[in-house]
Amino acid sequence: MKFYDLKTREHVDIPEGKIQKKKIVRKTKSGEQVRHQLIGDHGGRSVYKFVGKADYDKLNVPEVK
């Protein structure tokens, strides 16, 4: 899966074995906002990517709390 590495400013390809997923929930005035984040390991550093709920649900990787 493609991620963007902010440090090197280039796109990197991370295999699914090195990806984890995480739900981020925050409270707003009108309720709760849920964001779906993927975390990839690239050379010992973490790279992040926000995805939609459909992509988050169909990806079969471990979930981080």
C-alpha atoms as a PDB file:
ATOM      1  CA  MET A   1       0.000   0.000   0.000  1.00  0.00           C
ATOM      2  CA  LYS A   2       1.295   3.476  -0.818  1.00  0.00           C
ATOM      3  CA  PHE A   3       2.093   5.924   1.972  1.00  0.00           C
ATOM      4  CA  TYR A   4       3.677   9.371   1.835  1.00  0.00           C
ATOM      5  CA  ASP A   5       6.849   9.738   3.923  1.00  0.00           C
ATOM      6  CA  LEU A   6       6.961  13.309   5.246  1.00  0.00           C
ATOM      7  CA  LYS A   7      10.627  13.151   6.201  1.00  0.00           C
ATOM      8  CA  THR A   8      11.946  12.108   2.777  1.00  0.00           C
ATOM      9  CA  ARG A   9       9.018  13.720   0.887  1.00  0.00           C
ATOM     10  CA  GLU A  10       8.387  10.734  -1.328  1.00  0.00           C
ATOM     11  CA  HIS A  11       5.825   7.982  -1.761  1.00  0.00           C
ATOM     12  CA  VAL A  12       6.812   4.614  -0.303  1.00  0.00           C
ATOM     13  CA  ASP A  13       5.248   1.190  -0.764  1.00  0.00           C
ATOM     14  CA  ILE A  14       4.592  -0.669   2.522  1.00  0.00           C
ATOM     15  CA  PRO A  15       3.663  -4.390   2.497  1.00  0.00           C
ATOM     16  CA  GLU A  16       0.485  -5.363   4.375  1.00  0.00           C
ATOM     17  CA  GLY A  17       2.542  -7.296   6.929  1.00  0.00           C
ATOM     18  CA  LYS A  18       3.961  -4.031   8.264  1.00  0.00           C
ATOM     19  CA  ILE A  19       0.659  -2.134   8.510  1.00  0.00           C
ATOM     20  CA  GLN A  20      -1.578  -1.645  11.544  1.00  0.00           C
ATOM     21  CA  LYS A  21      -4.876   0.199  11.804  1.00  0.00           C
ATOM     22  CA  LYS A  22      -6.299   2.536  14.436  1.00  0.00           C
ATOM     23  CA  LYS A  23      -9.597   4.339  15.055  1.00  0.00           C
ATOM     24  CA  ILE A  24      -9.315   7.878  16.371  1.00  0.00           C
ATOM     25  CA  VAL A  25     -12.439   9.175  18.130  1.00  0.00           C
ATOM     26  CA  ARG A  26     -12.778  12.766  19.281  1.00  0.00           C
ATOM     27  CA  LYS A  27     -15.645  14.733  20.721  1.00  0.00           C
ATOM     28  CA  THR A  28     -17.005  17.760  18.910  1.00  0.00           C
ATOM     29  CA  LYS A  29     -19.858  20.137  19.673  1.00  0.00           C
ATOM     30  CA  SER A  30     -22.282  18.078  17.619  1.00  0.00           C
ATOM     31  CA  GLY A  31     -21.183  14.608  18.750  1.00  0.00           C
ATOM     32  CA  GLU A  32     -18.248  12.364  17.967  1.00  0.00           C
ATOM     33  CA  GLN A  33     -15.940  12.284  14.971  1.00  0.00           C
ATOM     34  CA  VAL A  34     -14.328   8.974  13.988  1.00  0.00           C
ATOM     35  CA  ARG A  35     -11.252   8.905  11.745  1.00  0.00           C
ATOM     36  CA  HIS A  36      -9.658   5.750  10.374  1.00  0.00           C
ATOM     37  CA  GLN A  37      -5.868   5.695  10.289  1.00  0.00           C
ATOM     38  CA  LEU A  38      -3.313   3.243   8.903  1.00  0.00           C
ATOM     39  CA  ILE A  39       0.170   3.095  10.426  1.00  0.00           C
ATOM     40  CA  GLY A  40       3.021   1.653   8.375  1.00  0.00           C
ATOM     41  CA  ASP A  41       6.594   0.824   9.391  1.00  0.00           C
ATOM     42  CA  HIS A  42       9.170   2.212   6.954  1.00  0.00           C
ATOM     43  CA  GLY A  43      12.778   1.656   7.977  1.00  0.00           C
ATOM     44  CA  GLY A  44      12.040   1.865  11.708  1.00  0.00           C
ATOM     45  CA  ARG A  45       9.920   5.007  11.371  1.00  0.00           C
ATOM     46  CA  SER A  46       6.151   5.244  11.324  1.00  0.00           C
ATOM     47  CA  VAL A  47       4.258   6.634   8.350  1.00  0.00           C
ATOM     48  CA  TYR A  48       0.556   7.453   8.603  1.00  0.00           C
ATOM     49  CA  LYS A  49      -2.383   7.532   6.222  1.00  0.00           C
ATOM     50  CA  PHE A  50      -6.059   8.366   6.732  1.00  0.00           C
ATOM     51  CA  VAL A  51      -8.528   6.193   4.815  1.00  0.00           C
ATOM     52  CA  GLY A  52     -12.285   5.823   4.538  1.00  0.00           C
ATOM     53  CA  LYS A  53     -14.338   3.384   6.602  1.00  0.00           C
ATOM     54  CA  ALA A  54     -14.788   0.946   3.683  1.00  0.00           C
ATOM     55  CA  ASP A  55     -11.028   0.639   3.089  1.00  0.00           C
ATOM     56  CA  TYR A  56     -10.420   0.389   6.840  1.00  0.00           C
ATOM     57  CA  ASP A  57     -12.918  -2.444   7.265  1.00  0.00           C
ATOM     58  CA  LYS A  58     -11.747  -4.552   4.316  1.00  0.00           C
ATOM     59  CA  LEU A  59      -8.066  -4.410   5.321  1.00  0.00           C
ATOM     60  CA  ASN A  60      -7.167  -7.504   7.342  1.00  0.00           C
ATOM     61  CA  VAL A  61      -4.354  -6.195   9.619  1.00  0.00           C
ATOM     62  CA  PRO A  62      -4.051  -5.935  13.438  1.00  0.00           C
ATOM     63  CA  GLU A  63      -5.794  -3.042  15.175  1.00  0.00           C
ATOM     64  CA  VAL A  64      -3.963  -0.799  17.663  1.00  0.00           C
ATOM     65  CA  LYS A  65      -5.837   0.618  20.655  1.00  0.00           C
END
